[in-house]
Amino acid sequence: MDNRWKNAIYSVILLTAMYVVWKWRNPEIPKEPIRIEGETMATTYHITYFDSEQRNFKMEVDSLFVLVNQSINNYNPNSEVSVFNRSAGFRFKLPYLYAPLKVAKKVYSDSEGAFDPSVMPLVNLWGFGQQKVSRPDSAKIDSIRGFIGFNKIEFNQDSIWKLDQRAQLDFGGIGQGYGADVITDFLRSKGIKNMLVELGGEGMAVGINIQSGKPWELGILDPNSTNDNQFFKAYVSLTNKSFTTSGNYFNYREVDGKKYSHTIDPFTGYPATRALLSASVFADDATTADAWATALMVMGHEKGIELLKKHSEIDAFLIYTSPDGLATFATDNIRSQIKINP
């Protein structure tokens, strides 16, 4: 066999080997996604992802949500956070309490106390917990405010304890975002690179929507929506970003003809009353975004806009009332990805 034929055979073998390696590293991803959904944390979840192996992870996802709830669900009397609320402190048994506590501590500091998960006693006092109560009197509110403050709780990688034995934690302002992060991390560990994880309207957009070949597009609810007639004020396109929206659309209590927001202001002890109607936040993880959205609803759009200037890692889209009607604000990094309906 002359050298010309040898070279031709070697070239064919080399090209074949390169193609096999390329196919192994870049398996064809079907354009039809896997979709799973269910209920958890008093809400629903919807997950869409693309997988070359067409694996369905619903059983694993539901199992993870059970474990997360056993750590941070205030409505479960046997969860770790519920046990903590009744005790002076304890050692962690599950790996799902330390992570949200770390994020809570950072956002508590960065938001100058506007996000404060220690508001649990006020949440219960205003009837947004498990028991529905009448409007509390100001003396009771002032009394409880004396032991509100996340700085009254300390923790490390192993344990959590109280500096004031009356302190309690409420993960309602951070839990769904954290749940979405846990599921996103799990799917990433399985090699999923393109997915949309949504839990109660918040979650993570990772990669792109293979069907459209574009970033994931999500709607931001119009504050004028009702339970029976929901429509969008804006749309946002996201890749590798978390999303969450806090607002007082449907979650409020009405006492003596007056509506009270479910967002408790830790500084006053009363439900937050602001011109800000909706805060959509985008960050690298959904836990952080969830906490910041709560913080913005507490502080309002004016202080919120000023504080966001100091935190370029956080993007936000705010809807608020003005003398001319509804007004909006978007941070610079997210503005080009948002389409606002007139």
C-alpha atoms as a PDB file:
ATOM      1  CA  MET A   1       0.000   0.000   0.000  1.00  0.00           C
ATOM      2  CA  ASP A   2       1.518   3.315  -1.087  1.00  0.00           C
ATOM      3  CA  ASN A   3       1.724   6.356   1.186  1.00  0.00           C
ATOM      4  CA  ARG A   4      -1.136   8.137  -0.586  1.00  0.00           C
ATOM      5  CA  TRP A   5      -3.609   5.384   0.338  1.00  0.00           C
ATOM      6  CA  LYS A   6      -2.220   5.172   3.845  1.00  0.00           C
ATOM      7  CA  ASN A   7      -2.689   8.906   4.330  1.00  0.00           C
ATOM      8  CA  ALA A   8      -6.259   8.699   3.011  1.00  0.00           C
ATOM      9  CA  ILE A   9      -7.136   5.868   5.419  1.00  0.00           C
ATOM     10  CA  TYR A  10      -5.532   7.684   8.352  1.00  0.00           C
ATOM     11  CA  SER A  11      -7.498  10.830   7.478  1.00  0.00           C
ATOM     12  CA  VAL A  12     -10.788   8.899   7.409  1.00  0.00           C
ATOM     13  CA  ILE A  13     -10.020   7.266  10.763  1.00  0.00           C
ATOM     14  CA  LEU A  14      -9.039  10.596  12.299  1.00  0.00           C
ATOM     15  CA  LEU A  15     -12.170  12.361  11.021  1.00  0.00           C
ATOM     16  CA  THR A  16     -14.363   9.517  12.260  1.00  0.00           C
ATOM     17  CA  ALA A  17     -12.772   9.649  15.699  1.00  0.00           C
ATOM     18  CA  MET A  18     -13.223  13.418  15.847  1.00  0.00           C
ATOM     19  CA  TYR A  19     -16.897  13.074  14.872  1.00  0.00           C
ATOM     20  CA  VAL A  20     -17.507  10.431  17.552  1.00  0.00           C
ATOM     21  CA  VAL A  21     -15.910  12.641  20.211  1.00  0.00           C
ATOM     22  CA  TRP A  22     -17.926  15.654  19.030  1.00  0.00           C
ATOM     23  CA  LYS A  23     -21.172  13.671  19.145  1.00  0.00           C
ATOM     24  CA  TRP A  24     -20.315  12.433  22.635  1.00  0.00           C
ATOM     25  CA  ARG A  25     -19.633  15.958  23.852  1.00  0.00           C
ATOM     26  CA  ASN A  26     -22.538  17.510  21.959  1.00  0.00           C
ATOM     27  CA  PRO A  27     -25.487  15.085  21.952  1.00  0.00           C
ATOM     28  CA  GLU A  28     -28.480  16.176  19.972  1.00  0.00           C
ATOM     29  CA  ILE A  29     -30.979  17.943  22.219  1.00  0.00           C
ATOM     30  CA  PRO A  30     -34.571  17.285  21.206  1.00  0.00           C
ATOM     31  CA  LYS A  31     -36.680  20.322  20.503  1.00  0.00           C
ATOM     32  CA  GLU A  32     -39.584  18.841  22.476  1.00  0.00           C
ATOM     33  CA  PRO A  33     -39.039  19.635  26.165  1.00  0.00           C
ATOM     34  CA  ILE A  34     -39.837  17.618  29.244  1.00  0.00           C
ATOM     35  CA  ARG A  35     -42.520  19.332  31.320  1.00  0.00           C
ATOM     36  CA  ILE A  36     -43.283  18.447  34.927  1.00  0.00           C
ATOM     37  CA  GLU A  37     -45.545  20.185  37.413  1.00  0.00           C
ATOM     38  CA  GLY A  38     -47.055  19.746  40.840  1.00  0.00           C
ATOM     39  CA  GLU A  39     -47.832  21.424  44.144  1.00  0.00           C
ATOM     40  CA  THR A  40     -45.596  22.423  47.026  1.00  0.00           C
ATOM     41  CA  MET A  41     -45.170  25.274  49.549  1.00  0.00           C
ATOM     42  CA  ALA A  42     -48.880  26.170  49.242  1.00  0.00           C
ATOM     43  CA  THR A  43     -48.417  26.918  45.532  1.00  0.00           C
ATOM     44  CA  THR A  44     -47.720  25.198  42.223  1.00  0.00           C
ATOM     45  CA  TYR A  45     -44.509  24.535  40.334  1.00  0.00           C
ATOM     46  CA  HIS A  46     -43.859  24.200  36.601  1.00  0.00           C
ATOM     47  CA  ILE A  47     -40.546  23.004  35.191  1.00  0.00           C
ATOM     48  CA  THR A  48     -39.565  22.863  31.525  1.00  0.00           C
ATOM     49  CA  TYR A  49     -36.218  21.453  30.400  1.00  0.00           C
ATOM     50  CA  PHE A  50     -34.503  19.895  27.411  1.00  0.00           C
ATOM     51  CA  ASP A  51     -32.705  16.574  27.809  1.00  0.00           C
ATOM     52  CA  SER A  52     -31.056  14.436  25.125  1.00  0.00           C
ATOM     53  CA  GLU A  53     -31.916  11.362  27.212  1.00  0.00           C
ATOM     54  CA  GLN A  54     -35.565  12.420  27.714  1.00  0.00           C
ATOM     55  CA  ARG A  55     -35.387  11.714  31.432  1.00  0.00           C
ATOM     56  CA  ASN A  56     -38.328  12.613  33.642  1.00  0.00           C
ATOM     57  CA  PHE A  57     -37.187  13.811  37.079  1.00  0.00           C
ATOM     58  CA  LYS A  58     -40.594  14.441  38.663  1.00  0.00           C
ATOM     59  CA  MET A  59     -40.134  11.822  41.389  1.00  0.00           C
ATOM     60  CA  GLU A  60     -36.755  13.257  42.388  1.00  0.00           C
ATOM     61  CA  VAL A  61     -38.069  16.836  42.246  1.00  0.00           C
ATOM     62  CA  ASP A  62     -41.038  16.014  44.490  1.00  0.00           C
ATOM     63  CA  SER A  63     -38.726  14.252  46.949  1.00  0.00           C
ATOM     64  CA  LEU A  64     -36.453  17.292  47.120  1.00  0.00           C
ATOM     65  CA  PHE A  65     -39.401  19.588  47.773  1.00  0.00           C
ATOM     66  CA  VAL A  66     -40.450  17.341  50.664  1.00  0.00           C
ATOM     67  CA  LEU A  67     -36.994  17.713  52.233  1.00  0.00           C
ATOM     68  CA  VAL A  68     -36.891  21.483  51.697  1.00  0.00           C
ATOM     69  CA  ASN A  69     -40.317  21.801  53.319  1.00  0.00           C
ATOM     70  CA  GLN A  70     -39.081  19.780  56.284  1.00  0.00           C
ATOM     71  CA  SER A  71     -36.517  22.529  56.835  1.00  0.00           C
ATOM     72  CA  ILE A  72     -38.174  25.873  56.033  1.00  0.00           C
ATOM     73  CA  ASN A  73     -41.957  25.443  55.955  1.00  0.00           C
ATOM     74  CA  ASN A  74     -43.524  27.475  58.782  1.00  0.00           C
ATOM     75  CA  TYR A  75     -46.847  25.692  58.283  1.00  0.00           C
ATOM     76  CA  ASN A  76     -45.281  22.328  59.105  1.00  0.00           C
ATOM     77  CA  PRO A  77     -45.116  22.111  62.934  1.00  0.00           C
ATOM     78  CA  ASN A  78     -42.325  19.537  62.675  1.00  0.00           C
ATOM     79  CA  SER A  79     -40.109  21.454  60.255  1.00  0.00           C
ATOM     80  CA  GLU A  80     -36.733  22.680  61.427  1.00  0.00           C
ATOM     81  CA  VAL A  81     -37.796  26.329  61.360  1.00  0.00           C
ATOM     82  CA  SER A  82     -40.934  25.528  63.393  1.00  0.00           C
ATOM     83  CA  VAL A  83     -38.867  23.609  65.957  1.00  0.00           C
ATOM     84  CA  PHE A  84     -36.475  26.577  66.136  1.00  0.00           C
ATOM     85  CA  ASN A  85     -39.358  29.010  66.690  1.00  0.00           C
ATOM     86  CA  ARG A  86     -40.401  27.000  69.756  1.00  0.00           C
ATOM     87  CA  SER A  87     -36.904  26.511  71.154  1.00  0.00           C
ATOM     88  CA  ALA A  88     -33.688  28.329  72.005  1.00  0.00           C
ATOM     89  CA  GLY A  89     -31.803  26.728  69.124  1.00  0.00           C
ATOM     90  CA  PHE A  90     -30.591  23.400  67.733  1.00  0.00           C
ATOM     91  CA  ARG A  91     -28.147  21.636  65.414  1.00  0.00           C
ATOM     92  CA  PHE A  92     -29.173  21.240  61.782  1.00  0.00           C
ATOM     93  CA  LYS A  93     -30.361  17.802  60.727  1.00  0.00           C
ATOM     94  CA  LEU A  94     -30.966  18.584  57.055  1.00  0.00           C
ATOM     95  CA  PRO A  95     -28.778  20.567  54.601  1.00  0.00           C
ATOM     96  CA  TYR A  96     -31.556  22.982  53.631  1.00  0.00           C
ATOM     97  CA  LEU A  97     -31.611  25.604  56.385  1.00  0.00           C
ATOM     98  CA  TYR A  98     -28.086  26.982  56.406  1.00  0.00           C
ATOM     99  CA  ALA A  99     -28.104  28.187  52.767  1.00  0.00           C
ATOM    100  CA  PRO A 100     -31.208  30.413  52.987  1.00  0.00           C
ATOM    101  CA  LEU A 101     -30.026  31.731  56.354  1.00  0.00           C
ATOM    102  CA  LYS A 102     -26.764  32.893  54.717  1.00  0.00           C
ATOM    103  CA  VAL A 103     -28.649  34.694  51.954  1.00  0.00           C
ATOM    104  CA  ALA A 104     -31.090  36.179  54.474  1.00  0.00           C
ATOM    105  CA  LYS A 105     -28.249  37.602  56.548  1.00  0.00           C
ATOM    106  CA  LYS A 106     -26.628  39.231  53.504  1.00  0.00           C
ATOM    107  CA  VAL A 107     -29.835  40.756  52.137  1.00  0.00           C
ATOM    108  CA  TYR A 108     -30.837  41.896  55.633  1.00  0.00           C
ATOM    109  CA  SER A 109     -27.572  43.842  55.750  1.00  0.00           C
ATOM    110  CA  ASP A 110     -27.595  45.055  52.125  1.00  0.00           C
ATOM    111  CA  SER A 111     -31.219  46.213  52.330  1.00  0.00           C
ATOM    112  CA  GLU A 112     -30.530  48.005  55.613  1.00  0.00           C
ATOM    113  CA  GLY A 113     -33.026  45.819  57.446  1.00  0.00           C
ATOM    114  CA  ALA A 114     -35.919  46.079  54.982  1.00  0.00           C
ATOM    115  CA  PHE A 115     -35.752  42.324  54.443  1.00  0.00           C
ATOM    116  CA  ASP A 116     -36.076  40.764  57.869  1.00  0.00           C
ATOM    117  CA  PRO A 117     -37.230  37.139  58.278  1.00  0.00           C
ATOM    118  CA  SER A 118     -37.581  37.656  62.033  1.00  0.00           C
ATOM    119  CA  VAL A 119     -40.983  39.333  61.442  1.00  0.00           C
ATOM    120  CA  MET A 120     -42.775  36.044  62.176  1.00  0.00           C
ATOM    121  CA  PRO A 121     -44.452  37.318  65.396  1.00  0.00           C
ATOM    122  CA  LEU A 122     -45.838  40.319  63.475  1.00  0.00           C
ATOM    123  CA  VAL A 123     -46.985  38.091  60.603  1.00  0.00           C
ATOM    124  CA  ASN A 124     -48.974  36.054  63.110  1.00  0.00           C
ATOM    125  CA  LEU A 125     -50.245  39.152  64.915  1.00  0.00           C
ATOM    126  CA  TRP A 126     -51.677  40.550  61.663  1.00  0.00           C
ATOM    127  CA  GLY A 127     -53.331  37.256  60.758  1.00  0.00           C
ATOM    128  CA  PHE A 128     -51.115  36.271  57.844  1.00  0.00           C
ATOM    129  CA  GLY A 129     -49.950  33.116  59.604  1.00  0.00           C
ATOM    130  CA  GLN A 130     -52.015  30.053  60.377  1.00  0.00           C
ATOM    131  CA  GLN A 131     -54.538  31.899  62.551  1.00  0.00           C
ATOM    132  CA  LYS A 132     -56.827  34.667  61.315  1.00  0.00           C
ATOM    133  CA  VAL A 133     -57.126  37.403  63.897  1.00  0.00           C
ATOM    134  CA  SER A 134     -58.668  40.847  64.164  1.00  0.00           C
ATOM    135  CA  ARG A 135     -56.689  44.040  63.767  1.00  0.00           C
ATOM    136  CA  PRO A 136     -54.118  44.243  66.600  1.00  0.00           C
ATOM    137  CA  ASP A 137     -53.824  47.311  68.813  1.00  0.00           C
ATOM    138  CA  SER A 138     -50.798  49.582  68.646  1.00  0.00           C
ATOM    139  CA  ALA A 139     -49.578  48.641  72.148  1.00  0.00           C
ATOM    140  CA  LYS A 140     -49.259  44.991  71.136  1.00  0.00           C
ATOM    141  CA  ILE A 141     -47.460  45.925  67.918  1.00  0.00           C
ATOM    142  CA  ASP A 142     -44.964  48.110  69.808  1.00  0.00           C
ATOM    143  CA  SER A 143     -44.368  45.352  72.318  1.00  0.00           C
ATOM    144  CA  ILE A 144     -43.499  42.815  69.616  1.00  0.00           C
ATOM    145  CA  ARG A 145     -41.307  45.264  67.720  1.00  0.00           C
ATOM    146  CA  GLY A 146     -38.943  45.149  70.682  1.00  0.00           C
ATOM    147  CA  PHE A 147     -37.699  41.696  69.720  1.00  0.00           C
ATOM    148  CA  ILE A 148     -37.866  41.968  65.926  1.00  0.00           C
ATOM    149  CA  GLY A 149     -34.503  41.988  64.175  1.00  0.00           C
ATOM    150  CA  PHE A 150     -32.473  39.340  62.362  1.00  0.00           C
ATOM    151  CA  ASN A 151     -29.452  40.420  64.396  1.00  0.00           C
ATOM    152  CA  LYS A 152     -31.112  38.700  67.367  1.00  0.00           C
ATOM    153  CA  ILE A 153     -30.468  35.338  65.679  1.00  0.00           C
ATOM    154  CA  GLU A 154     -27.069  33.753  65.099  1.00  0.00           C
ATOM    155  CA  PHE A 155     -25.977  30.634  63.233  1.00  0.00           C
ATOM    156  CA  ASN A 156     -23.035  28.757  61.767  1.00  0.00           C
ATOM    157  CA  GLN A 157     -22.740  25.787  59.421  1.00  0.00           C
ATOM    158  CA  ASP A 158     -23.901  23.396  62.148  1.00  0.00           C
ATOM    159  CA  SER A 159     -26.367  25.232  64.379  1.00  0.00           C
ATOM    160  CA  ILE A 160     -28.720  28.159  64.923  1.00  0.00           C
ATOM    161  CA  TRP A 161     -29.546  29.903  68.197  1.00  0.00           C
ATOM    162  CA  LYS A 162     -31.329  32.965  69.610  1.00  0.00           C
ATOM    163  CA  LEU A 163     -29.958  35.988  71.421  1.00  0.00           C
ATOM    164  CA  ASP A 164     -33.541  36.827  72.408  1.00  0.00           C
ATOM    165  CA  GLN A 165     -35.662  33.797  73.257  1.00  0.00           C
ATOM    166  CA  ARG A 166     -38.792  35.451  71.812  1.00  0.00           C
ATOM    167  CA  ALA A 167     -37.320  35.693  68.303  1.00  0.00           C
ATOM    168  CA  GLN A 168     -38.897  33.647  65.500  1.00  0.00           C
ATOM    169  CA  LEU A 169     -38.255  33.138  61.789  1.00  0.00           C
ATOM    170  CA  ASP A 170     -40.586  33.361  58.805  1.00  0.00           C
ATOM    171  CA  PHE A 171     -39.246  32.042  55.470  1.00  0.00           C
ATOM    172  CA  GLY A 172     -42.294  33.214  53.524  1.00  0.00           C
ATOM    173  CA  GLY A 173     -40.258  35.988  51.867  1.00  0.00           C
ATOM    174  CA  ILE A 174     -37.452  33.725  50.700  1.00  0.00           C
ATOM    175  CA  GLY A 175     -38.639  30.098  50.710  1.00  0.00           C
ATOM    176  CA  GLN A 176     -40.033  29.720  47.206  1.00  0.00           C
ATOM    177  CA  GLY A 177     -36.944  31.262  45.664  1.00  0.00           C
ATOM    178  CA  TYR A 178     -34.756  28.892  47.648  1.00  0.00           C
ATOM    179  CA  GLY A 179     -36.887  25.919  46.610  1.00  0.00           C
ATOM    180  CA  ALA A 180     -36.396  26.900  42.953  1.00  0.00           C
ATOM    181  CA  ASP A 181     -32.621  27.109  43.490  1.00  0.00           C
ATOM    182  CA  VAL A 182     -32.497  23.612  45.001  1.00  0.00           C
ATOM    183  CA  ILE A 183     -34.289  22.152  41.987  1.00  0.00           C
ATOM    184  CA  THR A 184     -32.146  24.124  39.528  1.00  0.00           C
ATOM    185  CA  ASP A 185     -28.966  22.854  41.179  1.00  0.00           C
ATOM    186  CA  PHE A 186     -30.281  19.283  41.040  1.00  0.00           C
ATOM    187  CA  LEU A 187     -31.102  19.490  37.320  1.00  0.00           C
ATOM    188  CA  ARG A 188     -27.725  21.043  36.599  1.00  0.00           C
ATOM    189  CA  SER A 189     -26.089  18.101  38.375  1.00  0.00           C
ATOM    190  CA  LYS A 190     -27.889  15.840  35.896  1.00  0.00           C
ATOM    191  CA  GLY A 191     -26.400  17.704  32.954  1.00  0.00           C
ATOM    192  CA  ILE A 192     -29.429  19.840  32.102  1.00  0.00           C
ATOM    193  CA  LYS A 193     -28.258  23.103  30.534  1.00  0.00           C
ATOM    194  CA  ASN A 194     -31.498  24.615  29.212  1.00  0.00           C
ATOM    195  CA  MET A 195     -34.415  24.896  31.641  1.00  0.00           C
ATOM    196  CA  LEU A 196     -37.074  27.100  33.168  1.00  0.00           C
ATOM    197  CA  VAL A 197     -37.828  26.357  36.825  1.00  0.00           C
ATOM    198  CA  GLU A 198     -40.863  28.225  38.174  1.00  0.00           C
ATOM    199  CA  LEU A 199     -42.269  27.929  41.685  1.00  0.00           C
ATOM    200  CA  GLY A 200     -45.111  30.238  42.658  1.00  0.00           C
ATOM    201  CA  GLY A 201     -44.139  32.725  39.941  1.00  0.00           C
ATOM    202  CA  GLU A 202     -40.429  32.813  40.706  1.00  0.00           C
ATOM    203  CA  GLY A 203     -37.444  30.719  39.786  1.00  0.00           C
ATOM    204  CA  MET A 204     -34.548  30.361  37.348  1.00  0.00           C
ATOM    205  CA  ALA A 205     -34.174  30.713  33.581  1.00  0.00           C
ATOM    206  CA  VAL A 206     -31.100  28.729  32.502  1.00  0.00           C
ATOM    207  CA  GLY A 207     -29.721  28.578  28.967  1.00  0.00           C
ATOM    208  CA  ILE A 208     -32.297  29.138  26.245  1.00  0.00           C
ATOM    209  CA  ASN A 209     -35.639  27.829  25.047  1.00  0.00           C
ATOM    210  CA  ILE A 210     -34.466  25.286  22.456  1.00  0.00           C
ATOM    211  CA  GLN A 211     -37.859  25.326  20.727  1.00  0.00           C
ATOM    212  CA  SER A 212     -37.615  29.019  19.891  1.00  0.00           C
ATOM    213  CA  GLY A 213     -33.841  29.283  19.887  1.00  0.00           C
ATOM    214  CA  LYS A 214     -34.199  32.390  22.037  1.00  0.00           C
ATOM    215  CA  PRO A 215     -33.902  33.330  25.723  1.00  0.00           C
ATOM    216  CA  TRP A 216     -36.769  32.383  27.988  1.00  0.00           C
ATOM    217  CA  GLU A 217     -39.586  34.948  27.962  1.00  0.00           C
ATOM    218  CA  LEU A 218     -41.713  35.601  31.040  1.00  0.00           C
ATOM    219  CA  GLY A 219     -44.650  37.865  31.724  1.00  0.00           C
ATOM    220  CA  ILE A 220     -44.815  40.370  34.589  1.00  0.00           C
ATOM    221  CA  LEU A 221     -48.339  40.658  35.942  1.00  0.00           C
ATOM    222  CA  ASP A 222     -50.188  43.972  35.663  1.00  0.00           C
ATOM    223  CA  PRO A 223     -51.175  45.329  39.121  1.00  0.00           C
ATOM    224  CA  ASN A 224     -54.695  45.897  37.771  1.00  0.00           C
ATOM    225  CA  SER A 225     -55.127  42.145  37.367  1.00  0.00           C
ATOM    226  CA  THR A 226     -57.615  40.188  39.413  1.00  0.00           C
ATOM    227  CA  ASN A 227     -57.738  36.514  40.293  1.00  0.00           C
ATOM    228  CA  ASP A 228     -60.233  35.962  37.483  1.00  0.00           C
ATOM    229  CA  ASN A 229     -58.657  38.311  34.938  1.00  0.00           C
ATOM    230  CA  GLN A 230     -54.863  38.205  34.912  1.00  0.00           C
ATOM    231  CA  PHE A 231     -52.831  40.004  32.251  1.00  0.00           C
ATOM    232  CA  PHE A 232     -49.279  41.233  31.807  1.00  0.00           C
ATOM    233  CA  LYS A 233     -47.799  44.694  32.102  1.00  0.00           C
ATOM    234  CA  ALA A 234     -44.441  43.663  30.624  1.00  0.00           C
ATOM    235  CA  TYR A 235     -42.395  40.779  29.254  1.00  0.00           C
ATOM    236  CA  VAL A 236     -38.763  40.025  30.070  1.00  0.00           C
ATOM    237  CA  SER A 237     -36.247  37.845  28.200  1.00  0.00           C
ATOM    238  CA  LEU A 238     -33.802  35.979  30.439  1.00  0.00           C
ATOM    239  CA  THR A 239     -30.790  33.704  30.140  1.00  0.00           C
ATOM    240  CA  ASN A 240     -29.016  32.363  33.228  1.00  0.00           C
ATOM    241  CA  LYS A 241     -30.916  34.668  35.566  1.00  0.00           C
ATOM    242  CA  SER A 242     -33.379  34.219  38.391  1.00  0.00           C
ATOM    243  CA  PHE A 243     -36.718  35.985  38.440  1.00  0.00           C
ATOM    244  CA  THR A 244     -39.250  36.839  41.105  1.00  0.00           C
ATOM    245  CA  THR A 245     -42.093  39.312  41.522  1.00  0.00           C
ATOM    246  CA  SER A 246     -43.551  40.535  44.805  1.00  0.00           C
ATOM    247  CA  GLY A 247     -46.782  42.470  44.884  1.00  0.00           C
ATOM    248  CA  ASN A 248     -49.962  42.898  46.823  1.00  0.00           C
ATOM    249  CA  TYR A 249     -52.243  41.830  43.994  1.00  0.00           C
ATOM    250  CA  PHE A 250     -54.161  39.098  45.762  1.00  0.00           C
ATOM    251  CA  ASN A 251     -52.545  38.422  49.152  1.00  0.00           C
ATOM    252  CA  TYR A 252     -54.081  40.851  51.609  1.00  0.00           C
ATOM    253  CA  ARG A 253     -56.515  40.968  54.520  1.00  0.00           C
ATOM    254  CA  GLU A 254     -59.513  43.239  54.750  1.00  0.00           C
ATOM    255  CA  VAL A 255     -60.429  44.520  58.217  1.00  0.00           C
ATOM    256  CA  ASP A 256     -63.195  47.046  58.788  1.00  0.00           C
ATOM    257  CA  GLY A 257     -63.282  47.794  55.074  1.00  0.00           C
ATOM    258  CA  LYS A 258     -59.538  48.485  54.815  1.00  0.00           C
ATOM    259  CA  LYS A 259     -57.101  46.285  52.907  1.00  0.00           C
ATOM    260  CA  TYR A 260     -53.831  45.352  54.618  1.00  0.00           C
ATOM    261  CA  SER A 261     -50.812  44.156  52.627  1.00  0.00           C
ATOM    262  CA  HIS A 262     -49.249  40.795  53.522  1.00  0.00           C
ATOM    263  CA  THR A 263     -45.813  42.481  53.427  1.00  0.00           C
ATOM    264  CA  ILE A 264     -44.942  43.497  56.982  1.00  0.00           C
ATOM    265  CA  ASP A 265     -42.715  46.523  57.505  1.00  0.00           C
ATOM    266  CA  PRO A 266     -40.268  45.494  60.268  1.00  0.00           C
ATOM    267  CA  PHE A 267     -39.575  49.141  61.123  1.00  0.00           C
ATOM    268  CA  THR A 268     -43.181  50.118  61.898  1.00  0.00           C
ATOM    269  CA  GLY A 269     -44.731  46.761  62.727  1.00  0.00           C
ATOM    270  CA  TYR A 270     -47.568  47.493  60.301  1.00  0.00           C
ATOM    271  CA  PRO A 271     -48.241  46.143  56.815  1.00  0.00           C
ATOM    272  CA  ALA A 272     -46.221  48.141  54.284  1.00  0.00           C
ATOM    273  CA  THR A 273     -48.183  50.960  52.635  1.00  0.00           C
ATOM    274  CA  ARG A 274     -46.294  52.272  49.633  1.00  0.00           C
ATOM    275  CA  ALA A 275     -46.896  53.617  46.152  1.00  0.00           C
ATOM    276  CA  LEU A 276     -44.910  50.613  44.945  1.00  0.00           C
ATOM    277  CA  LEU A 277     -47.312  47.999  43.586  1.00  0.00           C
ATOM    278  CA  SER A 278     -44.935  45.419  42.158  1.00  0.00           C
ATOM    279  CA  ALA A 279     -41.226  44.606  42.413  1.00  0.00           C
ATOM    280  CA  SER A 280     -39.663  42.171  39.951  1.00  0.00           C
ATOM    281  CA  VAL A 281     -36.076  41.273  40.763  1.00  0.00           C
ATOM    282  CA  PHE A 282     -33.430  39.443  38.710  1.00  0.00           C
ATOM    283  CA  ALA A 283     -30.224  38.037  40.202  1.00  0.00           C
ATOM    284  CA  ASP A 284     -27.816  35.125  39.919  1.00  0.00           C
ATOM    285  CA  ASP A 285     -29.927  33.001  42.261  1.00  0.00           C
ATOM    286  CA  ALA A 286     -33.630  32.935  43.067  1.00  0.00           C
ATOM    287  CA  THR A 287     -33.140  33.024  46.845  1.00  0.00           C
ATOM    288  CA  THR A 288     -31.449  36.411  46.637  1.00  0.00           C
ATOM    289  CA  ALA A 289     -33.996  37.725  44.139  1.00  0.00           C
ATOM    290  CA  ASP A 290     -36.888  36.595  46.354  1.00  0.00           C
ATOM    291  CA  ALA A 291     -35.461  38.321  49.424  1.00  0.00           C
ATOM    292  CA  TRP A 292     -34.736  41.559  47.538  1.00  0.00           C
ATOM    293  CA  ALA A 293     -38.249  41.698  46.089  1.00  0.00           C
ATOM    294  CA  THR A 294     -39.635  41.550  49.621  1.00  0.00           C
ATOM    295  CA  ALA A 295     -37.195  44.248  50.738  1.00  0.00           C
ATOM    296  CA  LEU A 296     -38.208  46.568  47.894  1.00  0.00           C
ATOM    297  CA  MET A 297     -41.903  46.177  48.718  1.00  0.00           C
ATOM    298  CA  VAL A 298     -41.090  47.243  52.291  1.00  0.00           C
ATOM    299  CA  MET A 299     -38.944  50.271  51.451  1.00  0.00           C
ATOM    300  CA  GLY A 300     -40.922  51.542  48.441  1.00  0.00           C
ATOM    301  CA  HIS A 301     -39.730  52.637  45.008  1.00  0.00           C
ATOM    302  CA  GLU A 302     -37.967  55.887  45.957  1.00  0.00           C
ATOM    303  CA  LYS A 303     -35.618  54.421  48.549  1.00  0.00           C
ATOM    304  CA  GLY A 304     -35.440  51.206  46.554  1.00  0.00           C
ATOM    305  CA  ILE A 305     -34.169  52.961  43.429  1.00  0.00           C
ATOM    306  CA  GLU A 306     -31.472  54.743  45.437  1.00  0.00           C
ATOM    307  CA  LEU A 307     -30.367  51.537  47.137  1.00  0.00           C
ATOM    308  CA  LEU A 308     -30.277  49.598  43.855  1.00  0.00           C
ATOM    309  CA  LYS A 309     -27.644  52.059  42.596  1.00  0.00           C
ATOM    310  CA  LYS A 310     -25.295  50.624  45.236  1.00  0.00           C
ATOM    311  CA  HIS A 311     -25.956  47.018  44.193  1.00  0.00           C
ATOM    312  CA  SER A 312     -25.255  46.495  40.501  1.00  0.00           C
ATOM    313  CA  GLU A 313     -25.531  42.732  41.028  1.00  0.00           C
ATOM    314  CA  ILE A 314     -29.297  43.177  41.462  1.00  0.00           C
ATOM    315  CA  ASP A 315     -31.631  44.162  38.613  1.00  0.00           C
ATOM    316  CA  ALA A 316     -35.229  45.229  39.124  1.00  0.00           C
ATOM    317  CA  PHE A 317     -38.378  46.320  37.337  1.00  0.00           C
ATOM    318  CA  LEU A 318     -40.751  48.344  39.519  1.00  0.00           C
ATOM    319  CA  ILE A 319     -44.366  49.321  38.946  1.00  0.00           C
ATOM    320  CA  TYR A 320     -45.735  52.111  41.139  1.00  0.00           C
ATOM    321  CA  THR A 321     -48.446  54.732  41.281  1.00  0.00           C
ATOM    322  CA  SER A 322     -47.726  58.340  40.357  1.00  0.00           C
ATOM    323  CA  PRO A 323     -49.880  61.464  39.938  1.00  0.00           C
ATOM    324  CA  ASP A 324     -50.184  60.528  36.257  1.00  0.00           C
ATOM    325  CA  GLY A 325     -51.164  56.898  36.856  1.00  0.00           C
ATOM    326  CA  LEU A 326     -48.976  53.784  36.712  1.00  0.00           C
ATOM    327  CA  ALA A 327     -45.251  54.404  36.311  1.00  0.00           C
ATOM    328  CA  THR A 328     -42.350  52.004  35.837  1.00  0.00           C
ATOM    329  CA  PHE A 329     -38.629  51.864  36.547  1.00  0.00           C
ATOM    330  CA  ALA A 330     -35.999  49.408  35.281  1.00  0.00           C
ATOM    331  CA  THR A 331     -32.327  49.169  36.212  1.00  0.00           C
ATOM    332  CA  ASP A 332     -29.865  49.740  33.378  1.00  0.00           C
ATOM    333  CA  ASN A 333     -28.745  46.119  32.946  1.00  0.00           C
ATOM    334  CA  ILE A 334     -32.268  44.735  32.490  1.00  0.00           C
ATOM    335  CA  ARG A 335     -33.949  47.601  30.635  1.00  0.00           C
ATOM    336  CA  SER A 336     -33.114  46.333  27.129  1.00  0.00           C
ATOM    337  CA  GLN A 337     -34.573  42.895  27.960  1.00  0.00           C
ATOM    338  CA  ILE A 338     -37.988  44.231  28.990  1.00  0.00           C
ATOM    339  CA  LYS A 339     -40.915  45.032  26.707  1.00  0.00           C
ATOM    340  CA  ILE A 340     -43.567  47.147  28.413  1.00  0.00           C
ATOM    341  CA  ASN A 341     -47.183  47.052  27.270  1.00  0.00           C
ATOM    342  CA  PRO A 342     -48.778  50.494  26.849  1.00  0.00           C
END
